[in-house]
Protein backbone atom coordinates (compact mmCIF):
# COMPACT_ATOMS: atom_id res chain seq x y z
CA MET A 1 3.32 -8.33 -41.80
CA ASP A 2 2.48 -11.02 -44.32
CA ALA A 3 2.58 -10.53 -48.09
CA THR A 4 -1.22 -10.27 -48.39
CA MET A 5 -1.38 -7.41 -45.89
CA ALA A 6 1.57 -5.69 -47.59
CA ARG A 7 -0.33 -5.71 -50.88
CA ASN A 8 -3.69 -4.86 -49.35
CA PRO A 9 -3.64 -3.21 -45.91
CA ASN A 10 -7.43 -3.56 -45.72
CA SER A 11 -7.21 -7.37 -45.90
CA ALA A 12 -7.08 -7.66 -42.10
CA LEU A 13 -10.32 -5.71 -41.88
CA ALA A 14 -11.88 -7.83 -44.62
CA GLY A 15 -10.80 -10.98 -42.80
CA ARG A 16 -12.36 -9.79 -39.58
CA GLN A 17 -15.61 -8.94 -41.35
CA ALA A 18 -15.67 -12.43 -42.89
CA ILE A 19 -15.27 -13.95 -39.40
CA GLY A 20 -17.74 -11.58 -37.81
CA GLU A 21 -17.57 -8.19 -36.17
CA LYS A 22 -17.75 -9.69 -32.67
CA ALA A 23 -14.76 -11.99 -33.19
CA TYR A 24 -11.48 -11.21 -31.43
CA PRO A 25 -8.25 -13.04 -30.56
CA LEU A 26 -8.45 -15.42 -27.60
CA MET A 27 -5.70 -13.38 -25.94
CA MET A 28 -8.17 -10.48 -25.66
CA ALA A 29 -10.86 -12.49 -23.82
CA GLN A 30 -11.52 -11.79 -20.15
CA VAL A 31 -10.79 -14.30 -17.39
CA GLY A 32 -13.92 -16.33 -16.69
CA GLU A 33 -15.34 -15.61 -20.14
CA ARG A 34 -16.76 -18.48 -22.18
CA VAL A 35 -15.90 -18.36 -25.86
CA ARG A 36 -16.29 -20.35 -29.10
CA ILE A 37 -13.46 -20.71 -31.63
CA VAL A 38 -14.56 -19.24 -34.98
CA ALA A 39 -11.23 -18.98 -36.83
CA MET A 40 -7.71 -20.36 -36.66
CA LYS A 41 -5.03 -18.17 -38.21
CA GLY A 42 -1.89 -20.13 -37.47
CA GLY A 43 -1.15 -21.84 -40.76
CA ALA A 44 -1.70 -25.49 -41.63
CA ALA A 45 0.80 -27.04 -39.19
CA ILE A 46 -0.31 -24.97 -36.19
CA ASP A 47 -4.00 -25.43 -37.02
CA LYS A 48 -3.45 -29.21 -37.23
CA ARG A 49 -1.68 -29.29 -33.87
CA LEU A 50 -4.39 -27.20 -32.18
CA THR A 51 -7.08 -29.47 -33.65
CA GLU A 52 -5.24 -32.51 -32.28
CA MET A 53 -5.37 -30.83 -28.85
CA GLY A 54 -9.16 -30.44 -29.16
CA LEU A 55 -9.07 -26.76 -30.08
CA ASN A 56 -11.02 -26.98 -33.32
CA LEU A 57 -13.50 -24.66 -34.99
CA GLY A 58 -16.67 -24.49 -32.93
CA ALA A 59 -14.97 -25.66 -29.72
CA GLU A 60 -16.19 -23.92 -26.59
CA LEU A 61 -13.65 -22.82 -24.00
CA ALA A 62 -13.57 -21.07 -20.66
CA LEU A 63 -10.64 -18.71 -20.07
CA CYS A 64 -9.15 -19.56 -16.67
CA LEU A 65 -6.02 -17.43 -16.60
CA ARG A 66 -4.52 -14.69 -18.76
CA GLU A 67 -1.00 -13.37 -18.37
CA GLU A 68 1.28 -11.47 -20.74
CA SER A 69 2.99 -14.75 -21.61
CA GLY A 70 -0.20 -16.67 -22.48
CA VAL A 71 -3.48 -18.14 -21.31
CA VAL A 72 -4.91 -21.21 -19.62
CA VAL A 73 -8.21 -22.41 -21.06
CA MET A 74 -10.61 -25.13 -20.02
CA ARG A 75 -12.14 -27.43 -22.65
CA GLY A 76 -14.45 -29.97 -21.04
CA ASN A 77 -12.55 -31.24 -18.00
CA SER A 78 -9.13 -30.48 -19.49
CA ARG A 79 -7.00 -27.39 -19.00
CA LEU A 80 -4.61 -26.30 -21.70
CA ALA A 81 -1.88 -23.67 -21.53
CA LEU A 82 -1.24 -21.67 -24.70
CA GLY A 83 1.48 -19.13 -25.34
CA ALA A 84 0.51 -15.59 -26.26
CA ALA A 85 1.45 -16.10 -29.92
CA LEU A 86 -0.98 -19.02 -30.26
CA ALA A 87 -3.68 -17.24 -28.26
CA HIS A 88 -3.50 -14.35 -30.74
CA ARG A 89 -4.08 -16.77 -33.65
CA LEU A 90 -7.30 -18.28 -32.26
CA TRP A 91 -10.25 -15.98 -32.97
CA VAL A 92 -13.30 -16.39 -30.75
CA THR A 93 -16.77 -15.06 -30.09
CA PRO A 94 -18.70 -15.07 -26.80
CA ALA A 95 -20.43 -18.36 -25.96
CA ASN A 96 -23.00 -17.78 -23.27
CA HIS A 97 -23.82 -21.32 -22.23
CA GLU A 98 -24.72 -21.70 -18.60
CA ASP A 99 -24.04 -25.45 -18.70
CA MET A 100 -20.34 -24.99 -19.56
CA GLU A 101 -17.91 -25.94 -16.82
CA ARG A 102 -16.45 -22.96 -14.99
CA CYS A 103 -12.75 -22.68 -14.19
CA LYS A 104 -12.10 -23.86 -10.66
């Protein structure tokens, strides 16, 4: 638990409301679901690294595989594997675009 949550246990709820009620961690998405990244909660270094990989705010992904240890997502024609810890730090919302590439 971080210091902010220790001082204010409702801060997690407030953070979720700021992101949007329909936002959830990428790790909770269903296989085959198309999502859009709406928040990155990994800290500056992790957020920078994810952005360098093409996983920036607004990016649309398709979830190809989900296991306890992590996920495989598709962004454009690229597939990326993320550990569960990172997948929990990327918050997403559904992106229902029919023209998005499906996982093959």
